[in-house]
Amino acid sequence: MFKNKIFLLVMILGIIGIMFYSLSGSESYAETVQKQRDVFLHNLMDEKDSPIASLKDFSGIKYFDADTKFIVNADFQAINSSEQGMILMTDSTQSEIKKAGKAIFSINGKTFTVSLFDEGEKFLLPFRDLTSGKETYGGGRFINIPKDKLIDNTIEIDFNSAHNFYCAYNESYICPIPPKENFIDAEINAGEKRYKE
């Protein structure tokens, strides 16, 4: 009986050790976000018409620290039609874009409703918030949301993946202006910061 208890104790300690080793080797959320940001920068630099390729003073992209507080699960209300919306561009023209629906979520106790647009494999969320023109680019930022983040009527929006429009780096680019309903009256201290101080 004593031997059985020792054997059982050794087995339990072994299982705990394996679990600890497995969990300690797993990638943290911050590491995952950093890898995504590295890929974004690499792709941005490799683009044929990259907005940063001709910049002599480019010193990298600045970000807020990754924070899971800015991952929200939003209620999604789809638009069941092929309705095309118009979005204003920085050169005062309008561009046609397909509306996907509305996302409703809460941050810091406030509820917001924003429009999402359909870009084929992804949804586009262009937005401004209380950091716009201060810590972040004044013209707003965007998030590309993979469509597999929509499950039933809930969509995950990770503001840590917010990026600047190309005109934040180079004013000769024409960029979309987030619609008025996509102003979030809260500080979204997540994602990319402004390029120039």
C-alpha atoms as a PDB file:
ATOM      1  CA  MET A   1       0.000   0.000   0.000  1.00  0.00           C
ATOM      2  CA  PHE A   2       2.866   2.348   0.855  1.00  0.00           C
ATOM      3  CA  LYS A   3       4.484   1.614  -2.531  1.00  0.00           C
ATOM      4  CA  ASN A   4       1.186   2.370  -4.247  1.00  0.00           C
ATOM      5  CA  LYS A   5       1.014   5.776  -2.532  1.00  0.00           C
ATOM      6  CA  ILE A   6       4.569   6.603  -3.610  1.00  0.00           C
ATOM      7  CA  PHE A   7       3.808   5.490  -7.160  1.00  0.00           C
ATOM      8  CA  LEU A   8       0.636   7.615  -7.181  1.00  0.00           C
ATOM      9  CA  LEU A   9       2.530  10.635  -5.816  1.00  0.00           C
ATOM     10  CA  VAL A  10       5.254  10.244  -8.468  1.00  0.00           C
ATOM     11  CA  MET A  11       2.558  10.000 -11.179  1.00  0.00           C
ATOM     12  CA  ILE A  12       0.803  13.155  -9.939  1.00  0.00           C
ATOM     13  CA  LEU A  13       4.081  15.088  -9.742  1.00  0.00           C
ATOM     14  CA  GLY A  14       4.968  13.890 -13.245  1.00  0.00           C
ATOM     15  CA  ILE A  15       1.630  15.085 -14.647  1.00  0.00           C
ATOM     16  CA  ILE A  16       2.008  18.446 -12.902  1.00  0.00           C
ATOM     17  CA  GLY A  17       5.548  18.746 -14.297  1.00  0.00           C
ATOM     18  CA  ILE A  18       4.391  17.963 -17.834  1.00  0.00           C
ATOM     19  CA  MET A  19       1.537  20.478 -17.574  1.00  0.00           C
ATOM     20  CA  PHE A  20       3.862  23.170 -16.205  1.00  0.00           C
ATOM     21  CA  TYR A  21       6.417  22.529 -18.939  1.00  0.00           C
ATOM     22  CA  SER A  22       3.742  22.609 -21.633  1.00  0.00           C
ATOM     23  CA  LEU A  23       2.162  25.822 -20.378  1.00  0.00           C
ATOM     24  CA  SER A  24       5.453  27.602 -19.746  1.00  0.00           C
ATOM     25  CA  GLY A  25       6.493  26.931 -23.325  1.00  0.00           C
ATOM     26  CA  SER A  26       3.316  28.380 -24.806  1.00  0.00           C
ATOM     27  CA  GLU A  27       3.438  31.767 -26.467  1.00  0.00           C
ATOM     28  CA  SER A  28       2.050  34.724 -24.542  1.00  0.00           C
ATOM     29  CA  TYR A  29      -0.530  37.051 -26.073  1.00  0.00           C
ATOM     30  CA  ALA A  30       2.053  39.869 -26.186  1.00  0.00           C
ATOM     31  CA  GLU A  31       4.459  37.620 -28.126  1.00  0.00           C
ATOM     32  CA  THR A  32       1.710  36.656 -30.579  1.00  0.00           C
ATOM     33  CA  VAL A  33       0.846  40.327 -31.162  1.00  0.00           C
ATOM     34  CA  GLN A  34       4.518  41.203 -31.652  1.00  0.00           C
ATOM     35  CA  LYS A  35       4.874  38.499 -34.311  1.00  0.00           C
ATOM     36  CA  GLN A  36       1.788  39.864 -36.109  1.00  0.00           C
ATOM     37  CA  ARG A  37       3.275  43.365 -35.991  1.00  0.00           C
ATOM     38  CA  ASP A  38       6.589  42.119 -37.386  1.00  0.00           C
ATOM     39  CA  VAL A  39       4.745  40.466 -40.287  1.00  0.00           C
ATOM     40  CA  PHE A  40       2.752  43.676 -40.918  1.00  0.00           C
ATOM     41  CA  LEU A  41       5.950  45.761 -41.092  1.00  0.00           C
ATOM     42  CA  HIS A  42       7.650  43.226 -43.363  1.00  0.00           C
ATOM     43  CA  ASN A  43       4.667  43.200 -45.740  1.00  0.00           C
ATOM     44  CA  LEU A  44       4.415  46.996 -45.656  1.00  0.00           C
ATOM     45  CA  MET A  45       8.085  47.389 -46.573  1.00  0.00           C
ATOM     46  CA  ASP A  46       7.815  44.820 -49.374  1.00  0.00           C
ATOM     47  CA  GLU A  47       4.750  46.332 -51.047  1.00  0.00           C
ATOM     48  CA  LYS A  48       5.280  47.619 -54.574  1.00  0.00           C
ATOM     49  CA  ASP A  49       3.907  51.072 -53.704  1.00  0.00           C
ATOM     50  CA  SER A  50       4.926  51.053 -50.058  1.00  0.00           C
ATOM     51  CA  PRO A  51       4.206  54.344 -48.262  1.00  0.00           C
ATOM     52  CA  ILE A  52       7.410  53.959 -46.228  1.00  0.00           C
ATOM     53  CA  ALA A  53       9.818  52.884 -48.995  1.00  0.00           C
ATOM     54  CA  SER A  54      10.834  56.450 -49.881  1.00  0.00           C
ATOM     55  CA  LEU A  55      10.962  57.781 -46.311  1.00  0.00           C
ATOM     56  CA  LYS A  56      14.504  58.729 -45.315  1.00  0.00           C
ATOM     57  CA  ASP A  57      13.699  59.192 -41.634  1.00  0.00           C
ATOM     58  CA  PHE A  58      11.625  56.035 -41.120  1.00  0.00           C
ATOM     59  CA  SER A  59      12.513  54.569 -37.723  1.00  0.00           C
ATOM     60  CA  GLY A  60       9.867  51.887 -37.363  1.00  0.00           C
ATOM     61  CA  ILE A  61       6.273  51.698 -36.240  1.00  0.00           C
ATOM     62  CA  LYS A  62       5.291  52.658 -32.708  1.00  0.00           C
ATOM     63  CA  TYR A  63       2.618  50.747 -30.809  1.00  0.00           C
ATOM     64  CA  PHE A  64       0.819  50.713 -27.496  1.00  0.00           C
ATOM     65  CA  ASP A  65       1.659  47.664 -25.394  1.00  0.00           C
ATOM     66  CA  ALA A  66      -0.590  44.709 -26.179  1.00  0.00           C
ATOM     67  CA  ASP A  67      -3.534  44.681 -23.770  1.00  0.00           C
ATOM     68  CA  THR A  68      -6.286  42.042 -23.726  1.00  0.00           C
ATOM     69  CA  LYS A  69      -8.629  44.674 -22.255  1.00  0.00           C
ATOM     70  CA  PHE A  70      -9.007  45.960 -25.811  1.00  0.00           C
ATOM     71  CA  ILE A  71     -10.294  42.682 -27.232  1.00  0.00           C
ATOM     72  CA  VAL A  72     -14.073  42.996 -27.343  1.00  0.00           C
ATOM     73  CA  ASN A  73     -16.817  40.569 -28.270  1.00  0.00           C
ATOM     74  CA  ALA A  74     -19.374  42.641 -30.145  1.00  0.00           C
ATOM     75  CA  ASP A  75     -22.934  41.855 -31.133  1.00  0.00           C
ATOM     76  CA  PHE A  76     -23.071  41.777 -34.922  1.00  0.00           C
ATOM     77  CA  GLN A  77     -26.116  42.896 -36.889  1.00  0.00           C
ATOM     78  CA  ALA A  78     -25.664  41.911 -40.515  1.00  0.00           C
ATOM     79  CA  ILE A  79     -27.116  43.856 -43.418  1.00  0.00           C
ATOM     80  CA  ASN A  80     -28.860  41.243 -45.537  1.00  0.00           C
ATOM     81  CA  SER A  81     -28.471  42.922 -48.886  1.00  0.00           C
ATOM     82  CA  SER A  82     -25.873  43.912 -51.413  1.00  0.00           C
ATOM     83  CA  GLU A  83     -26.269  47.535 -50.313  1.00  0.00           C
ATOM     84  CA  GLN A  84     -23.269  49.631 -51.242  1.00  0.00           C
ATOM     85  CA  GLY A  85     -22.183  52.432 -48.975  1.00  0.00           C
ATOM     86  CA  MET A  86     -20.128  55.479 -49.816  1.00  0.00           C
ATOM     87  CA  ILE A  87     -17.066  56.396 -47.814  1.00  0.00           C
ATOM     88  CA  LEU A  88     -15.389  59.808 -48.047  1.00  0.00           C
ATOM     89  CA  MET A  89     -11.726  59.839 -49.050  1.00  0.00           C
ATOM     90  CA  THR A  90      -8.988  62.303 -48.076  1.00  0.00           C
ATOM     91  CA  ASP A  91      -9.021  63.850 -51.577  1.00  0.00           C
ATOM     92  CA  SER A  92     -12.734  64.726 -51.101  1.00  0.00           C
ATOM     93  CA  THR A  93     -13.905  62.000 -53.485  1.00  0.00           C
ATOM     94  CA  GLN A  94     -16.217  59.190 -52.420  1.00  0.00           C
ATOM     95  CA  SER A  95     -15.516  55.509 -52.795  1.00  0.00           C
ATOM     96  CA  GLU A  96     -18.132  52.776 -52.980  1.00  0.00           C
ATOM     97  CA  ILE A  97     -17.791  49.997 -50.431  1.00  0.00           C
ATOM     98  CA  LYS A  98     -20.127  47.195 -49.430  1.00  0.00           C
ATOM     99  CA  LYS A  99     -21.665  47.506 -45.979  1.00  0.00           C
ATOM    100  CA  ALA A 100     -21.462  44.329 -43.893  1.00  0.00           C
ATOM    101  CA  GLY A 101     -23.341  45.360 -40.768  1.00  0.00           C
ATOM    102  CA  LYS A 102     -23.030  46.961 -37.378  1.00  0.00           C
ATOM    103  CA  ALA A 103     -21.013  45.905 -34.345  1.00  0.00           C
ATOM    104  CA  ILE A 104     -22.220  46.840 -30.850  1.00  0.00           C
ATOM    105  CA  PHE A 105     -19.797  46.621 -27.927  1.00  0.00           C
ATOM    106  CA  SER A 106     -18.858  48.204 -24.610  1.00  0.00           C
ATOM    107  CA  ILE A 107     -15.589  49.741 -23.457  1.00  0.00           C
ATOM    108  CA  ASN A 108     -15.144  51.298 -20.008  1.00  0.00           C
ATOM    109  CA  GLY A 109     -18.875  51.006 -19.340  1.00  0.00           C
ATOM    110  CA  LYS A 110     -19.907  52.864 -22.519  1.00  0.00           C
ATOM    111  CA  THR A 111     -21.713  51.174 -25.413  1.00  0.00           C
ATOM    112  CA  PHE A 112     -20.769  51.955 -29.012  1.00  0.00           C
ATOM    113  CA  THR A 113     -22.196  51.021 -32.410  1.00  0.00           C
ATOM    114  CA  VAL A 114     -19.864  51.075 -35.420  1.00  0.00           C
ATOM    115  CA  SER A 115     -20.251  50.145 -39.082  1.00  0.00           C
ATOM    116  CA  LEU A 116     -18.238  47.292 -40.593  1.00  0.00           C
ATOM    117  CA  PHE A 117     -17.556  47.004 -44.304  1.00  0.00           C
ATOM    118  CA  ASP A 118     -17.083  43.899 -46.442  1.00  0.00           C
ATOM    119  CA  GLU A 119     -13.688  43.541 -48.108  1.00  0.00           C
ATOM    120  CA  GLY A 120     -14.004  39.949 -49.317  1.00  0.00           C
ATOM    121  CA  GLU A 121     -12.057  37.747 -46.905  1.00  0.00           C
ATOM    122  CA  LYS A 122     -12.130  40.350 -44.144  1.00  0.00           C
ATOM    123  CA  PHE A 123     -14.288  43.020 -42.564  1.00  0.00           C
ATOM    124  CA  LEU A 124     -12.956  46.569 -42.419  1.00  0.00           C
ATOM    125  CA  LEU A 125     -13.460  48.729 -39.338  1.00  0.00           C
ATOM    126  CA  PRO A 126     -12.246  52.305 -39.934  1.00  0.00           C
ATOM    127  CA  PHE A 127     -12.509  54.343 -36.722  1.00  0.00           C
ATOM    128  CA  ARG A 128     -11.467  57.375 -34.741  1.00  0.00           C
ATOM    129  CA  ASP A 129     -11.336  57.684 -30.953  1.00  0.00           C
ATOM    130  CA  LEU A 130     -10.221  60.081 -28.222  1.00  0.00           C
ATOM    131  CA  THR A 131      -6.538  59.348 -28.942  1.00  0.00           C
ATOM    132  CA  SER A 132      -6.895  60.520 -32.575  1.00  0.00           C
ATOM    133  CA  GLY A 133      -4.718  63.562 -33.232  1.00  0.00           C
ATOM    134  CA  LYS A 134      -2.912  63.007 -29.930  1.00  0.00           C
ATOM    135  CA  GLU A 135      -1.215  59.643 -29.396  1.00  0.00           C
ATOM    136  CA  THR A 136      -2.563  58.277 -32.683  1.00  0.00           C
ATOM    137  CA  TYR A 137      -2.960  59.517 -36.253  1.00  0.00           C
ATOM    138  CA  GLY A 138      -5.564  62.265 -36.518  1.00  0.00           C
ATOM    139  CA  GLY A 139      -7.219  60.776 -39.588  1.00  0.00           C
ATOM    140  CA  GLY A 140      -8.101  57.616 -37.720  1.00  0.00           C
ATOM    141  CA  ARG A 141      -7.038  53.996 -37.886  1.00  0.00           C
ATOM    142  CA  PHE A 142      -8.412  50.738 -39.219  1.00  0.00           C
ATOM    143  CA  ILE A 143      -8.732  47.090 -38.265  1.00  0.00           C
ATOM    144  CA  ASN A 144      -8.977  44.223 -40.726  1.00  0.00           C
ATOM    145  CA  ILE A 145     -11.110  41.574 -39.018  1.00  0.00           C
ATOM    146  CA  PRO A 146     -10.879  38.020 -40.407  1.00  0.00           C
ATOM    147  CA  LYS A 147     -14.361  36.702 -41.148  1.00  0.00           C
ATOM    148  CA  ASP A 148     -13.740  33.623 -38.992  1.00  0.00           C
ATOM    149  CA  LYS A 149     -13.905  35.985 -35.999  1.00  0.00           C
ATOM    150  CA  LEU A 150     -17.665  36.123 -36.618  1.00  0.00           C
ATOM    151  CA  ILE A 151     -19.392  33.230 -34.872  1.00  0.00           C
ATOM    152  CA  ASP A 152     -23.201  33.243 -34.928  1.00  0.00           C
ATOM    153  CA  ASN A 153     -24.028  36.875 -34.080  1.00  0.00           C
ATOM    154  CA  THR A 154     -20.839  37.700 -32.169  1.00  0.00           C
ATOM    155  CA  ILE A 155     -17.670  39.124 -33.658  1.00  0.00           C
ATOM    156  CA  GLU A 156     -14.318  39.508 -31.922  1.00  0.00           C
ATOM    157  CA  ILE A 157     -12.667  42.887 -32.454  1.00  0.00           C
ATOM    158  CA  ASP A 158      -9.054  43.165 -31.320  1.00  0.00           C
ATOM    159  CA  PHE A 159      -8.047  46.831 -31.160  1.00  0.00           C
ATOM    160  CA  ASN A 160      -4.430  45.740 -30.622  1.00  0.00           C
ATOM    161  CA  SER A 161      -4.385  45.057 -34.363  1.00  0.00           C
ATOM    162  CA  ALA A 162      -5.358  48.652 -35.268  1.00  0.00           C
ATOM    163  CA  HIS A 163      -3.106  50.286 -37.853  1.00  0.00           C
ATOM    164  CA  ASN A 164      -2.655  53.691 -39.440  1.00  0.00           C
ATOM    165  CA  PHE A 165      -3.868  54.450 -42.920  1.00  0.00           C
ATOM    166  CA  TYR A 166      -1.059  54.901 -45.453  1.00  0.00           C
ATOM    167  CA  CYS A 167      -1.498  58.680 -45.512  1.00  0.00           C
ATOM    168  CA  ALA A 168      -0.202  58.737 -41.921  1.00  0.00           C
ATOM    169  CA  TYR A 169       3.250  58.028 -43.405  1.00  0.00           C
ATOM    170  CA  ASN A 170       2.909  59.758 -46.753  1.00  0.00           C
ATOM    171  CA  GLU A 171       0.369  62.522 -47.419  1.00  0.00           C
ATOM    172  CA  SER A 172       0.333  61.809 -51.158  1.00  0.00           C
ATOM    173  CA  TYR A 173      -1.736  58.666 -50.490  1.00  0.00           C
ATOM    174  CA  ILE A 174      -5.522  58.787 -50.669  1.00  0.00           C
ATOM    175  CA  CYS A 175      -7.139  57.176 -47.645  1.00  0.00           C
ATOM    176  CA  PRO A 176     -10.666  56.585 -46.375  1.00  0.00           C
ATOM    177  CA  ILE A 177     -12.048  58.862 -43.684  1.00  0.00           C
ATOM    178  CA  PRO A 178     -13.855  56.896 -40.961  1.00  0.00           C
ATOM    179  CA  PRO A 179     -17.593  57.644 -41.034  1.00  0.00           C
ATOM    180  CA  LYS A 180     -19.054  59.752 -38.208  1.00  0.00           C
ATOM    181  CA  GLU A 181     -20.783  56.752 -36.621  1.00  0.00           C
ATOM    182  CA  ASN A 182     -17.357  55.120 -36.213  1.00  0.00           C
ATOM    183  CA  PHE A 183     -16.128  57.700 -33.721  1.00  0.00           C
ATOM    184  CA  ILE A 184     -15.545  55.867 -30.425  1.00  0.00           C
ATOM    185  CA  ASP A 185     -15.891  58.275 -27.505  1.00  0.00           C
ATOM    186  CA  ALA A 186     -13.202  56.520 -25.462  1.00  0.00           C
ATOM    187  CA  GLU A 187      -9.418  56.284 -25.422  1.00  0.00           C
ATOM    188  CA  ILE A 188      -8.422  53.217 -27.401  1.00  0.00           C
ATOM    189  CA  ASN A 189      -4.870  52.890 -26.092  1.00  0.00           C
ATOM    190  CA  ALA A 190      -4.167  49.904 -28.303  1.00  0.00           C
ATOM    191  CA  GLY A 191      -2.658  49.267 -31.702  1.00  0.00           C
ATOM    192  CA  GLU A 192      -0.507  51.614 -33.721  1.00  0.00           C
ATOM    193  CA  LYS A 193       0.471  55.065 -32.503  1.00  0.00           C
ATOM    194  CA  ARG A 194       1.049  58.116 -34.678  1.00  0.00           C
ATOM    195  CA  TYR A 195       4.097  57.912 -36.936  1.00  0.00           C
ATOM    196  CA  LYS A 196       5.375  61.429 -36.318  1.00  0.00           C
ATOM    197  CA  GLU A 197       5.324  63.206 -32.978  1.00  0.00           C
END
